[in-house]
Amino acid sequence: MEGYCVKCKAKKEMKDSKELTMKNGRNAAKGKCTTCGTSMFKILGNK
């Protein structure tokens, strides 16, 4: 899964990504940047 890394300032591939549901009911993905290891977060559609 691909997301935006704030530290690298570029779209990168997420490793160890896990899908989760936020408090408001929306789906999201959380993982780590493959380059720098910073936490990444991406809001997904409601599929």
Protein backbone atom coordinates (compact mmCIF):
# COMPACT_ATOMS: atom_id res chain seq x y z
CA MET A 1 0.00 0.00 0.00
CA GLU A 2 1.26 3.47 -0.84
CA GLY A 3 1.02 6.54 1.38
CA TYR A 4 2.60 9.95 1.90
CA CYS A 5 5.65 10.21 4.16
CA VAL A 6 5.86 13.62 5.84
CA LYS A 7 9.54 13.25 6.67
CA CYS A 8 10.62 12.21 3.14
CA LYS A 9 8.02 14.55 1.55
CA ALA A 10 7.14 11.94 -1.09
CA LYS A 11 4.77 9.05 -1.75
CA LYS A 12 6.34 5.85 -0.51
CA GLU A 13 5.41 2.23 -0.03
CA MET A 14 4.22 1.32 3.49
CA LYS A 15 5.63 -1.74 5.22
CA ASP A 16 3.82 -3.57 8.01
CA SER A 17 0.59 -1.83 6.97
CA LYS A 18 -2.55 -2.68 8.91
CA GLU A 19 -6.11 -1.65 8.11
CA LEU A 20 -8.08 -0.20 11.00
CA THR A 21 -11.32 1.67 11.67
CA MET A 22 -11.15 5.16 13.15
CA LYS A 23 -13.50 6.38 15.90
CA ASN A 24 -15.76 8.07 13.35
CA GLY A 25 -16.22 4.78 11.43
CA ARG A 26 -13.95 5.50 8.45
CA ASN A 27 -11.37 2.98 7.28
CA ALA A 28 -7.67 3.81 7.44
CA ALA A 29 -4.27 2.18 7.05
CA LYS A 30 -1.27 2.57 9.34
CA GLY A 31 2.29 1.52 8.59
CA LYS A 32 5.92 2.56 8.41
CA CYS A 33 7.98 4.21 5.66
CA THR A 34 10.38 1.80 3.95
CA THR A 35 13.10 4.49 3.71
CA CYS A 36 13.15 6.32 7.06
CA GLY A 37 10.89 4.21 9.31
CA THR A 38 8.52 7.07 10.19
CA SER A 39 4.90 6.18 10.95
CA MET A 40 2.56 6.71 8.00
CA PHE A 41 -1.24 7.02 8.00
CA LYS A 42 -3.67 6.92 5.08
CA ILE A 43 -7.44 7.42 5.13
CA LEU A 44 -9.19 4.91 2.86
CA GLY A 45 -12.61 4.85 1.23
CA ASN A 46 -15.65 3.37 2.94
CA LYS A 47 -15.48 0.06 1.04
